[in-house]
Amino acid sequence: MVTTRKAETGTAEPIIQTIADQDPVRWYNKPNLRYLYFLLFITCMGIELTSGFDSQMINALQIVPAWQTYFGDKPDGQFSGELKGIIAAAYSLGAILSLPFIGVVNDRFGRRWSIFGGSAIMVAGAIIQGFSVHVGMYVVARLLLGFGIPTCIVSGSSLIGELGYPKERAYLTCFFNVAFYLGQIVAAGICFGTNNIPGNMAWKIPSWLQLVPSMMQILFIFLVPESPRWLITKDRSEEAYEILAKYHAEGDRDSDFVKAEFAHIQTTIKLEMENSSQSYMDLIKTAGMRRRTLISAMLGLFTQWSGNTLISYYLNDILDMIGRTSSIFKQQINLGLSCWSLVCGVTIVLTCVRLKRVTAAYITTIGMLVIYVAWTIAMERSMDALDAGKRNNAAGIAVLFFIFAYKPAYQVFYNALTYTYLVEIWPYAERSRGIALSQFFSRGAGFATTFINPIGLDNIGWKFFIMYCVVLVFEVAFVYFFFAETSGRTLEELSFLFEDKDLAEAANEAAIKASDHAHVEVTSEKKV
């Protein structure tokens, strides 16, 4: 069978990656690099804390009686499916509205100012959210929170990939998404602790605390160096070289590795810019760009339309459907699920980064499909028993098991490797727009699913799960036909993945000429 994978013609020989992988000194024994990774953790990796906090907070607040009473549009603090949907979906809608500006802001102001601006907007949203006097004000606050998050995600994931030493880059970008689950744990713990506080402080305190991760980014982001790639595009090559020398060679300006890396980056960006107008039209200009665009769009959809939003936003409704109505039990499951997600996330990053990207995608899509089919059957048995006036405890336990089993299956690729893969398939010139495009489809799918989910659960119950089973079948097929392998190479070695191999080799030649040491290492590798 002939597939579109035949188009993978532009992968360069992994010269820079090979040299970096041979470096015997661990990152924690390099003071400058260690300091850089610490700053990236509290700034860029902390960005996804906000997303995790938000998804878990909305999930947990639906269990808090004071929140239900204050915002519910029905008697006794009950919500219509439409209102519950728009409250949850407002975050994604705000994100969609900001996406057209992300590429322009990133290219003009750089990664750091983009993160600062998005974080400032989210701080304003969190403050308004806590002071909301009616549901309309609450929805507007969530729109603001959503408006600020995409530029931070696009800039943060790019900055991590562009600053990280090639040997650890994949781990760094994988940990970017793991912070999502740390945010979930914090939100679940806070909401569990405030659950029984009398009055509106039970929901106001979690709402205000959502600003903490964004404040961390505002306070520390300018301690992080700017992206060397961005500096090169602004004719500030000397600054870019100094950053690479300081963090990739511990201040050694004469490092052969830094000379080769800098030449590789500079040549690759020059070749990219010659063929780029730095507009969204570039995303469909060539066959290679169209393939990247299709992969990014579908990956954005898949990360939100694989059934995960049911757990993230409507765990309360799912537990009600199987007869588990105790608010304490729900909060315990909620907190336990968040802790389990973090454990799975960290474990998967430390082990699955070594997997081929396509293999990891198969594990995720096929694993989720099997789990969702079994989960749908368990939901049907449990709900049928309740309709008959009895409880099927075995089916109820099975539902809980599949909810927990779903987490590691989803995380292998869609959590651990999503941003790693997006950063890898997009060349620098279009990276911010490519990731923004993925965010557009992700947020659009998130808006649709969070709005539709409660309506679907109300109207057709367990049958609603069948839709996700069908989507997951499509995901498996898409991975087979369109995903390309990207592991084991630097960003510049992947810049022309779907283009002419001559361009990739031209960048490699520049790196070899810049360093005799690089030439020796590559020659010895080829002789092995």
Protein backbone atom coordinates (compact mmCIF):
# COMPACT_ATOMS: atom_id res chain seq x y z
CA MET A 1 0.00 0.00 0.00
CA VAL A 2 1.31 3.43 -0.93
CA THR A 3 0.87 6.10 1.74
CA THR A 4 1.75 9.76 2.02
CA ARG A 5 4.77 8.85 4.12
CA LYS A 6 6.63 8.58 0.82
CA ALA A 7 6.80 12.40 0.95
CA GLU A 8 9.34 12.36 3.81
CA THR A 9 12.31 13.34 1.65
CA GLY A 10 13.95 16.23 3.50
CA THR A 11 15.26 14.72 6.71
CA ALA A 12 18.88 15.70 7.21
CA GLU A 13 21.63 13.53 8.65
CA PRO A 14 21.47 14.09 12.45
CA ILE A 15 24.88 15.79 12.73
CA ILE A 16 24.21 18.23 15.57
CA GLN A 17 21.99 15.76 17.42
CA THR A 18 24.68 13.07 17.22
CA ILE A 19 27.32 15.39 18.68
CA ALA A 20 24.97 16.47 21.50
CA ASP A 21 24.03 12.87 22.30
CA GLN A 22 27.73 12.03 22.70
CA ASP A 23 28.18 14.72 25.36
CA PRO A 24 29.06 12.74 28.54
CA VAL A 25 28.24 15.57 30.98
CA ARG A 26 24.73 15.49 32.44
CA TRP A 27 22.63 18.67 32.40
CA TYR A 28 22.55 18.87 36.22
CA ASN A 29 26.35 19.08 36.25
CA LYS A 30 26.25 22.18 34.03
CA PRO A 31 25.48 25.25 36.22
CA ASN A 32 24.31 27.55 33.40
CA LEU A 33 22.11 24.93 31.77
CA ARG A 34 20.72 23.87 35.15
CA TYR A 35 19.79 27.49 35.91
CA LEU A 36 18.14 27.84 32.48
CA TYR A 37 16.01 24.73 33.01
CA PHE A 38 14.94 25.98 36.44
CA LEU A 39 13.76 29.26 34.90
CA LEU A 40 11.98 27.45 32.07
CA PHE A 41 10.18 25.29 34.61
CA ILE A 42 8.71 28.17 36.63
CA THR A 43 7.87 30.26 33.56
CA CYS A 44 7.25 28.35 30.34
CA MET A 45 6.36 24.97 31.81
CA GLY A 46 4.19 26.72 34.38
CA ILE A 47 1.94 27.99 31.58
CA GLU A 48 0.04 24.72 31.38
CA LEU A 49 -0.59 24.94 35.14
CA THR A 50 -3.24 27.53 34.25
CA SER A 51 -4.96 25.25 31.73
CA GLY A 52 -4.92 22.32 34.15
CA PHE A 53 -6.13 24.50 37.00
CA ASP A 54 -9.02 25.79 34.88
CA SER A 55 -10.26 22.44 33.63
CA GLN A 56 -10.16 20.93 37.09
CA MET A 57 -11.63 23.99 38.81
CA ILE A 58 -14.71 24.02 36.58
CA ASN A 59 -15.05 20.28 37.09
CA ALA A 60 -14.70 20.59 40.88
CA LEU A 61 -16.84 23.72 41.33
CA GLN A 62 -19.81 21.91 39.79
CA ILE A 63 -19.75 19.80 42.96
CA VAL A 64 -19.57 22.84 45.32
CA PRO A 65 -23.09 23.69 46.62
CA ALA A 66 -22.38 27.44 46.97
CA TRP A 67 -21.30 27.72 43.31
CA GLN A 68 -24.35 25.78 42.15
CA THR A 69 -26.70 28.01 44.12
CA TYR A 70 -25.04 31.25 43.00
CA PHE A 71 -24.93 30.58 39.25
CA GLY A 72 -27.59 27.90 38.63
CA ASP A 73 -30.47 28.86 36.33
CA LYS A 74 -32.86 26.27 37.75
CA PRO A 75 -34.32 25.71 41.23
CA ASP A 76 -32.07 24.18 43.91
CA GLY A 77 -28.87 25.17 42.14
CA GLN A 78 -29.44 23.08 39.04
CA PHE A 79 -28.09 24.02 35.62
CA SER A 80 -29.50 23.62 32.15
CA GLY A 81 -27.17 21.77 29.80
CA GLU A 82 -26.80 24.92 27.68
CA LEU A 83 -25.69 27.15 30.58
CA LYS A 84 -23.31 24.55 31.96
CA GLY A 85 -21.88 24.15 28.48
CA ILE A 86 -21.29 27.85 27.83
CA ILE A 87 -19.60 28.36 31.23
CA ALA A 88 -17.13 25.58 30.47
CA ALA A 89 -16.76 26.45 26.78
CA ALA A 90 -16.16 30.19 27.32
CA TYR A 91 -12.48 29.47 28.05
CA SER A 92 -12.03 27.83 24.63
CA LEU A 93 -14.07 30.55 22.88
CA GLY A 94 -11.78 33.23 24.32
CA ALA A 95 -8.79 31.28 23.06
CA ILE A 96 -10.24 31.08 19.55
CA LEU A 97 -10.69 34.86 19.44
CA SER A 98 -7.01 35.48 20.22
CA LEU A 99 -5.47 33.07 17.72
CA PRO A 100 -5.34 35.36 14.63
CA PHE A 101 -2.97 37.69 16.51
CA ILE A 102 -0.50 35.13 17.85
CA GLY A 103 1.78 34.80 14.84
CA VAL A 104 2.11 38.57 14.41
CA VAL A 105 2.77 39.17 18.12
CA ASN A 106 5.38 36.39 18.30
CA ASP A 107 7.24 37.54 15.21
CA ARG A 108 7.24 41.22 16.16
CA PHE A 109 7.81 41.16 19.92
CA GLY A 110 9.49 37.79 20.53
CA ARG A 111 8.61 34.87 22.77
CA ARG A 112 9.08 36.60 26.15
CA TRP A 113 6.88 39.65 25.56
CA SER A 114 4.17 37.39 24.14
CA ILE A 115 4.18 35.34 27.34
CA PHE A 116 4.13 38.50 29.46
CA GLY A 117 1.16 39.96 27.59
CA GLY A 118 -0.89 36.76 27.67
CA SER A 119 -0.19 36.30 31.38
CA ALA A 120 -1.29 39.87 32.18
CA ILE A 121 -4.63 39.24 30.43
CA MET A 122 -5.12 36.03 32.43
CA VAL A 123 -4.43 37.81 35.72
CA ALA A 124 -7.17 40.31 34.87
CA GLY A 125 -9.54 37.45 33.99
CA ALA A 126 -8.89 35.61 37.26
CA ILE A 127 -9.56 38.76 39.32
CA ILE A 128 -12.85 39.47 37.51
CA GLN A 129 -13.83 35.80 37.86
CA GLY A 130 -13.57 35.94 41.65
CA PHE A 131 -15.54 39.21 41.84
CA SER A 132 -18.33 38.04 39.51
CA VAL A 133 -21.80 39.11 40.64
CA HIS A 134 -23.75 37.15 38.03
CA VAL A 135 -23.20 34.41 35.49
CA GLY A 136 -22.67 36.83 32.60
CA MET A 137 -19.71 38.45 34.37
CA TYR A 138 -18.34 35.00 35.17
CA VAL A 139 -18.51 33.98 31.50
CA VAL A 140 -16.73 37.20 30.42
CA ALA A 141 -13.97 36.52 32.95
CA ARG A 142 -13.51 33.04 31.50
CA LEU A 143 -13.37 34.53 28.01
CA LEU A 144 -10.48 36.74 29.16
CA LEU A 145 -8.68 33.77 30.71
CA GLY A 146 -9.07 31.88 27.46
CA PHE A 147 -7.94 34.87 25.39
CA GLY A 148 -4.63 35.05 27.22
CA ILE A 149 -3.65 31.38 27.30
CA PRO A 150 -2.93 30.52 23.61
CA THR A 151 -0.17 33.09 23.07
CA CYS A 152 1.50 31.82 26.24
CA ILE A 153 1.23 28.20 25.09
CA VAL A 154 2.54 28.91 21.58
CA SER A 155 5.39 31.11 22.82
CA GLY A 156 6.26 28.93 25.81
CA SER A 157 6.38 25.63 23.91
CA SER A 158 8.44 27.26 21.15
CA LEU A 159 10.85 28.91 23.60
CA ILE A 160 11.45 25.63 25.44
CA GLY A 161 12.26 23.84 22.19
CA GLU A 162 14.43 26.68 20.90
CA LEU A 163 16.46 27.17 24.09
CA GLY A 164 16.86 23.58 25.22
CA TYR A 165 20.09 21.68 24.64
CA PRO A 166 19.41 19.15 21.84
CA LYS A 167 20.13 16.20 24.14
CA GLU A 168 17.26 17.15 26.51
CA ARG A 169 14.95 19.07 24.17
CA ALA A 170 12.39 16.28 23.74
CA TYR A 171 12.14 15.78 27.51
CA LEU A 172 11.65 19.51 28.08
CA THR A 173 8.85 19.87 25.56
CA CYS A 174 7.19 16.71 26.89
CA PHE A 175 7.23 18.06 30.46
CA PHE A 176 5.53 21.23 29.18
CA ASN A 177 2.20 19.41 29.00
CA VAL A 178 2.73 17.44 32.22
CA ALA A 179 2.40 20.72 34.15
CA PHE A 180 -1.29 20.57 33.13
CA TYR A 181 -1.82 17.76 35.63
CA LEU A 182 0.04 19.55 38.39
CA GLY A 183 -2.41 22.41 37.89
CA GLN A 184 -5.27 19.93 38.09
CA ILE A 185 -4.04 18.54 41.41
CA VAL A 186 -3.69 22.01 42.91
CA ALA A 187 -7.19 22.99 41.77
CA ALA A 188 -8.75 19.72 42.94
CA GLY A 189 -7.07 20.04 46.34
CA ILE A 190 -8.13 23.68 46.75
CA CYS A 191 -11.73 22.98 45.75
CA PHE A 192 -11.83 19.94 48.04
CA GLY A 193 -10.57 22.12 50.89
CA THR A 194 -13.04 24.94 50.21
CA ASN A 195 -15.99 22.63 49.50
CA ASN A 196 -17.53 23.08 52.96
CA ILE A 197 -16.67 26.76 53.50
CA PRO A 198 -19.99 28.53 54.11
CA GLY A 199 -20.96 31.19 51.58
CA ASN A 200 -19.47 32.26 48.28
CA MET A 201 -15.85 32.09 49.41
CA ALA A 202 -16.08 28.37 48.60
CA TRP A 203 -15.85 29.25 44.89
CA LYS A 204 -14.26 32.72 45.03
CA ILE A 205 -11.01 31.52 46.61
CA PRO A 206 -10.26 28.95 43.84
CA SER A 207 -11.23 31.53 41.21
CA TRP A 208 -8.77 34.11 42.51
CA LEU A 209 -5.97 31.58 43.00
CA GLN A 210 -6.07 30.87 39.28
CA LEU A 211 -3.96 34.00 38.78
CA VAL A 212 -0.93 32.58 40.66
CA PRO A 213 0.75 30.72 37.71
CA SER A 214 0.34 33.79 35.48
CA MET A 215 1.89 36.02 38.13
CA MET A 216 4.89 33.68 38.21
CA GLN A 217 5.34 34.17 34.46
CA ILE A 218 5.04 37.96 34.76
CA LEU A 219 7.63 38.10 37.55
CA PHE A 220 10.24 35.77 36.08
CA ILE A 221 9.89 35.62 32.28
CA PHE A 222 12.48 38.33 31.60
CA LEU A 223 15.09 36.36 33.51
CA VAL A 224 14.81 33.79 30.70
CA PRO A 225 16.89 34.53 27.57
CA GLU A 226 15.09 35.26 24.31
CA SER A 227 14.96 32.62 21.58
CA PRO A 228 18.26 32.60 19.62
CA ARG A 229 16.26 31.82 16.48
CA TRP A 230 14.12 34.94 16.93
CA LEU A 231 17.21 37.06 17.57
CA ILE A 232 18.82 35.82 14.34
CA THR A 233 15.74 36.85 12.34
CA LYS A 234 16.08 40.34 13.83
CA ASP A 235 19.77 40.65 12.81
CA ARG A 236 20.92 40.23 16.41
CA SER A 237 23.15 37.26 15.69
CA GLU A 238 25.81 38.22 18.24
CA GLU A 239 23.25 38.06 21.06
CA ALA A 240 22.02 34.71 19.77
CA TYR A 241 25.56 33.32 19.71
CA GLU A 242 26.21 34.52 23.27
CA ILE A 243 23.07 32.73 24.51
CA LEU A 244 24.04 29.47 22.81
CA ALA A 245 27.59 29.72 24.16
CA LYS A 246 26.44 30.51 27.70
CA TYR A 247 23.87 27.71 28.03
CA HIS A 248 24.99 25.05 25.52
CA ALA A 249 28.74 25.33 26.20
CA GLU A 250 28.81 26.81 29.71
CA GLY A 251 30.17 30.14 28.45
CA ASP A 252 32.82 28.76 26.08
CA ARG A 253 32.60 31.02 23.02
CA ASP A 254 35.19 28.87 21.21
CA SER A 255 33.17 25.67 21.57
CA ASP A 256 33.19 23.65 18.34
CA PHE A 257 29.68 22.45 19.11
CA VAL A 258 28.30 25.99 19.47
CA LYS A 259 30.01 27.07 16.24
CA ALA A 260 28.40 24.17 14.38
CA GLU A 261 25.01 24.64 16.05
CA PHE A 262 24.96 28.38 15.36
CA ALA A 263 25.95 27.94 11.71
CA HIS A 264 23.28 25.26 11.30
CA ILE A 265 20.57 27.46 12.82
CA GLN A 266 21.63 30.57 10.89
CA THR A 267 21.80 28.79 7.52
CA THR A 268 18.52 26.96 8.04
CA ILE A 269 16.67 30.14 9.01
CA LYS A 270 18.14 31.95 5.99
CA LEU A 271 16.89 29.18 3.68
CA GLU A 272 13.48 29.23 5.38
CA MET A 273 13.12 33.00 5.15
CA GLU A 274 13.94 32.98 1.44
CA ASN A 275 10.82 30.88 0.89
CA SER A 276 8.58 32.50 3.51
CA SER A 277 6.42 35.61 3.51
CA GLN A 278 5.66 35.02 7.22
CA SER A 279 1.92 35.01 6.69
CA TYR A 280 -0.77 32.40 7.23
CA MET A 281 -0.86 31.83 3.46
CA ASP A 282 2.52 30.12 3.80
CA LEU A 283 0.76 27.29 5.62
CA ILE A 284 -0.87 26.14 2.37
CA LYS A 285 1.76 27.35 -0.10
CA THR A 286 3.47 24.01 -0.85
CA ALA A 287 2.63 20.33 -0.58
CA GLY A 288 4.92 19.99 2.43
CA MET A 289 3.31 22.94 4.22
CA ARG A 290 -0.17 21.63 3.46
CA ARG A 291 0.74 18.31 5.02
CA ARG A 292 2.07 20.04 8.14
CA THR A 293 -1.13 22.10 8.28
CA LEU A 294 -3.34 19.03 7.99
CA ILE A 295 -1.40 17.16 10.69
CA SER A 296 -1.48 20.18 13.03
CA ALA A 297 -5.18 20.81 12.50
CA MET A 298 -6.10 17.18 13.10
CA LEU A 299 -3.80 16.92 16.10
CA GLY A 300 -5.54 19.96 17.58
CA LEU A 301 -8.93 18.31 17.04
CA PHE A 302 -7.80 14.95 18.37
CA THR A 303 -6.43 16.35 21.64
CA GLN A 304 -9.92 17.66 22.48
CA TRP A 305 -12.27 15.33 20.60
CA SER A 306 -11.05 11.99 21.90
CA GLY A 307 -13.44 11.90 24.85
CA ASN A 308 -11.07 13.54 27.32
CA THR A 309 -13.30 16.60 27.88
CA LEU A 310 -15.98 14.33 29.34
CA ILE A 311 -13.59 13.51 32.18
CA SER A 312 -12.04 16.97 32.45
CA TYR A 313 -15.28 18.93 32.64
CA TYR A 314 -18.16 16.54 33.28
CA LEU A 315 -16.93 13.90 35.70
CA ASN A 316 -19.72 15.04 38.02
CA ASP A 317 -22.38 14.11 35.41
CA ILE A 318 -20.77 10.76 34.58
CA LEU A 319 -20.72 9.76 38.26
CA ASP A 320 -24.36 10.83 38.60
CA MET A 321 -25.24 8.61 35.63
CA ILE A 322 -23.90 5.52 37.41
CA GLY A 323 -25.59 6.40 40.70
CA ARG A 324 -22.60 7.92 42.55
CA THR A 325 -24.11 11.16 43.85
CA SER A 326 -22.17 11.86 47.06
CA SER A 327 -20.27 15.15 46.74
CA ILE A 328 -17.51 13.86 49.05
CA PHE A 329 -17.08 10.72 46.92
CA LYS A 330 -16.94 12.84 43.77
CA GLN A 331 -14.30 15.16 45.21
CA GLN A 332 -12.23 12.15 46.29
CA ILE A 333 -12.41 10.62 42.81
CA ASN A 334 -11.63 14.01 41.30
CA LEU A 335 -8.53 14.50 43.44
CA GLY A 336 -7.43 10.88 43.03
CA LEU A 337 -7.77 11.13 39.25
CA SER A 338 -5.64 14.29 39.21
CA CYS A 339 -2.88 12.65 41.24
CA TRP A 340 -3.03 9.55 39.04
CA SER A 341 -2.76 11.76 35.93
CA LEU A 342 0.39 13.44 37.24
CA VAL A 343 2.00 10.11 38.15
CA CYS A 344 1.20 8.74 34.69
CA GLY A 345 2.35 11.93 33.00
CA VAL A 346 5.77 12.01 34.67
CA THR A 347 6.32 8.26 34.23
CA ILE A 348 5.36 8.41 30.56
CA VAL A 349 7.64 11.37 29.83
CA LEU A 350 10.61 9.61 31.44
CA THR A 351 10.01 6.40 29.48
CA CYS A 352 8.08 7.10 26.28
CA VAL A 353 10.26 9.94 24.94
CA ARG A 354 12.53 7.17 23.68
CA LEU A 355 9.70 5.76 21.58
CA LYS A 356 9.38 6.60 17.92
CA ARG A 357 6.76 9.32 17.53
CA VAL A 358 4.52 7.27 15.24
CA THR A 359 4.69 4.26 17.58
CA ALA A 360 3.60 6.45 20.49
CA ALA A 361 0.70 7.80 18.39
CA TYR A 362 -0.47 4.24 17.68
CA ILE A 363 -0.30 3.32 21.37
CA THR A 364 -2.46 6.32 22.24
CA THR A 365 -5.10 6.05 19.53
CA ILE A 366 -5.56 2.27 19.61
CA GLY A 367 -5.41 2.20 23.43
CA MET A 368 -8.10 4.89 23.75
CA LEU A 369 -10.32 3.15 21.20
CA VAL A 370 -10.24 -0.16 23.09
CA ILE A 371 -10.88 1.58 26.43
CA TYR A 372 -13.73 3.71 25.08
CA VAL A 373 -15.55 0.75 23.56
CA ALA A 374 -15.34 -1.13 26.87
CA TRP A 375 -16.30 2.02 28.83
CA THR A 376 -19.38 2.54 26.64
CA ILE A 377 -20.54 -1.02 27.31
CA ALA A 378 -20.01 -0.57 31.07
CA MET A 379 -21.99 2.71 31.02
CA GLU A 380 -24.86 1.00 29.22
CA ARG A 381 -25.01 -1.86 31.76
CA SER A 382 -24.82 0.48 34.74
CA MET A 383 -27.50 2.89 33.49
CA ASP A 384 -29.85 0.10 32.42
CA ALA A 385 -29.64 -1.36 35.92
CA LEU A 386 -30.46 2.02 37.50
CA ASP A 387 -33.40 2.45 35.13
CA ALA A 388 -34.69 -0.93 36.36
CA GLY A 389 -34.49 0.27 39.99
CA LYS A 390 -31.35 -1.59 41.00
CA ARG A 391 -27.58 -1.04 40.95
CA ASN A 392 -25.01 -2.95 38.92
CA ASN A 393 -21.98 -2.52 41.15
CA ALA A 394 -19.68 -4.44 38.82
CA ALA A 395 -20.54 -2.15 35.90
CA GLY A 396 -20.10 0.94 38.10
CA ILE A 397 -16.66 -0.21 39.21
CA ALA A 398 -15.78 -0.96 35.58
CA VAL A 399 -16.71 2.62 34.61
CA LEU A 400 -14.37 3.97 37.29
CA PHE A 401 -11.62 1.60 36.14
CA PHE A 402 -11.90 2.72 32.51
CA ILE A 403 -11.86 6.39 33.52
CA PHE A 404 -8.54 5.80 35.28
CA ALA A 405 -7.24 3.53 32.47
CA TYR A 406 -8.01 6.19 29.88
CA LYS A 407 -5.51 8.64 31.39
CA PRO A 408 -2.23 6.84 30.58
CA ALA A 409 -3.52 5.83 27.14
CA TYR A 410 -4.28 9.47 26.29
CA GLN A 411 -1.04 10.76 27.75
CA VAL A 412 1.46 8.64 25.79
CA PHE A 413 1.14 10.92 22.76
CA TYR A 414 -1.58 13.55 23.20
CA ASN A 415 -0.13 14.82 26.45
CA ALA A 416 3.55 13.91 26.44
CA LEU A 417 4.38 14.44 22.78
CA THR A 418 1.85 16.89 21.30
CA TYR A 419 3.99 20.02 21.58
CA THR A 420 7.19 18.08 21.02
CA TYR A 421 5.79 16.88 17.71
CA LEU A 422 4.40 20.28 16.67
CA VAL A 423 7.69 22.02 17.42
CA GLU A 424 9.52 19.33 15.43
CA ILE A 425 7.41 19.31 12.25
CA TRP A 426 7.30 23.11 11.83
CA PRO A 427 10.34 25.09 10.62
CA TYR A 428 11.15 28.23 12.61
CA ALA A 429 9.69 30.69 10.06
CA GLU A 430 6.20 29.21 10.44
CA ARG A 431 6.43 27.60 13.89
CA SER A 432 4.34 30.12 15.81
CA ARG A 433 1.64 30.14 13.12
CA GLY A 434 1.67 26.36 12.84
CA ILE A 435 1.23 25.85 16.58
CA ALA A 436 -1.37 28.65 16.64
CA LEU A 437 -3.27 26.81 13.90
CA SER A 438 -3.24 23.65 16.01
CA GLN A 439 -4.45 25.71 18.97
CA PHE A 440 -7.28 27.10 16.82
CA PHE A 441 -8.57 23.62 16.04
CA SER A 442 -7.90 22.45 19.58
CA ARG A 443 -9.80 25.34 21.14
CA GLY A 444 -12.56 25.08 18.56
CA ALA A 445 -12.96 21.39 19.32
CA GLY A 446 -12.74 22.15 23.03
CA PHE A 447 -15.48 24.76 22.73
CA ALA A 448 -17.70 22.40 20.73
CA THR A 449 -17.23 19.37 22.97
CA THR A 450 -17.56 21.20 26.28
CA PHE A 451 -20.76 22.81 25.02
CA ILE A 452 -22.19 19.69 23.40
CA ASN A 453 -21.20 17.14 26.06
CA PRO A 454 -23.78 18.05 28.74
CA ILE A 455 -26.54 18.31 26.12
CA GLY A 456 -25.62 14.92 24.67
CA LEU A 457 -25.42 13.28 28.11
CA ASP A 458 -28.80 14.75 29.08
CA ASN A 459 -30.56 13.65 25.91
CA ILE A 460 -29.12 10.27 24.90
CA GLY A 461 -27.11 9.15 27.94
CA TRP A 462 -24.58 6.35 27.33
CA LYS A 463 -25.23 6.37 23.55
CA PHE A 464 -23.35 9.68 23.40
CA PHE A 465 -20.13 7.75 24.05
CA ILE A 466 -20.48 5.98 20.70
CA MET A 467 -19.61 9.23 18.90
CA TYR A 468 -16.18 9.22 20.53
CA CYS A 469 -15.63 5.58 19.56
CA VAL A 470 -16.19 6.53 15.91
CA VAL A 471 -13.81 9.51 16.19
CA LEU A 472 -11.10 7.28 17.65
CA VAL A 473 -11.37 4.86 14.69
CA PHE A 474 -10.71 7.82 12.40
CA GLU A 475 -7.69 8.88 14.50
CA VAL A 476 -6.03 5.48 14.11
CA ALA A 477 -6.45 5.69 10.33
CA PHE A 478 -5.12 9.25 10.21
CA VAL A 479 -1.96 8.34 12.09
CA TYR A 480 -1.32 5.53 9.62
CA PHE A 481 -1.66 7.67 6.51
CA PHE A 482 -0.23 11.04 7.53
CA PHE A 483 2.07 11.01 10.58
CA ALA A 484 5.80 11.32 9.88
CA GLU A 485 8.67 10.17 12.09
CA THR A 486 10.65 13.01 13.71
CA SER A 487 12.59 11.51 16.62
CA GLY A 488 16.37 11.66 16.93
CA ARG A 489 17.01 14.97 15.15
CA THR A 490 17.40 18.63 16.03
CA LEU A 491 14.84 21.22 14.95
CA GLU A 492 17.03 22.40 12.07
CA GLU A 493 17.59 18.82 10.90
CA LEU A 494 13.80 18.54 10.60
CA SER A 495 13.14 21.93 8.99
CA PHE A 496 12.79 20.47 5.49
CA LEU A 497 11.14 17.19 6.52
CA PHE A 498 8.60 17.32 3.67
CA GLU A 499 10.71 19.32 1.22
CA ASP A 500 13.83 18.94 -0.91
CA LYS A 501 16.63 17.03 0.81
CA ASP A 502 19.17 19.36 -0.85
CA LEU A 503 18.03 22.20 1.44
CA ALA A 504 18.59 20.06 4.51
CA GLU A 505 22.03 19.03 3.31
CA ALA A 506 22.97 22.66 2.60
CA ALA A 507 22.35 23.51 6.28
CA ASN A 508 24.40 20.48 7.32
CA GLU A 509 27.32 21.56 5.13
CA ALA A 510 27.33 24.97 6.82
CA ALA A 511 27.54 23.30 10.22
CA ILE A 512 30.40 21.05 9.10
CA LYS A 513 32.38 23.96 7.68
CA ALA A 514 31.91 25.91 10.92
CA SER A 515 33.61 23.23 12.99
CA ASP A 516 36.37 20.79 12.16
CA HIS A 517 35.38 18.87 15.30
CA ALA A 518 31.86 18.35 13.94
CA HIS A 519 33.34 17.01 10.72
CA VAL A 520 35.49 14.52 12.62
CA GLU A 521 32.56 13.31 14.70
CA VAL A 522 30.28 12.85 11.68
CA THR A 523 32.98 11.04 9.72
CA SER A 524 33.61 8.63 12.58
CA GLU A 525 29.90 7.97 12.93
CA LYS A 526 29.56 7.06 9.27
CA LYS A 527 32.45 4.59 9.51
CA VAL A 528 30.84 2.66 12.35
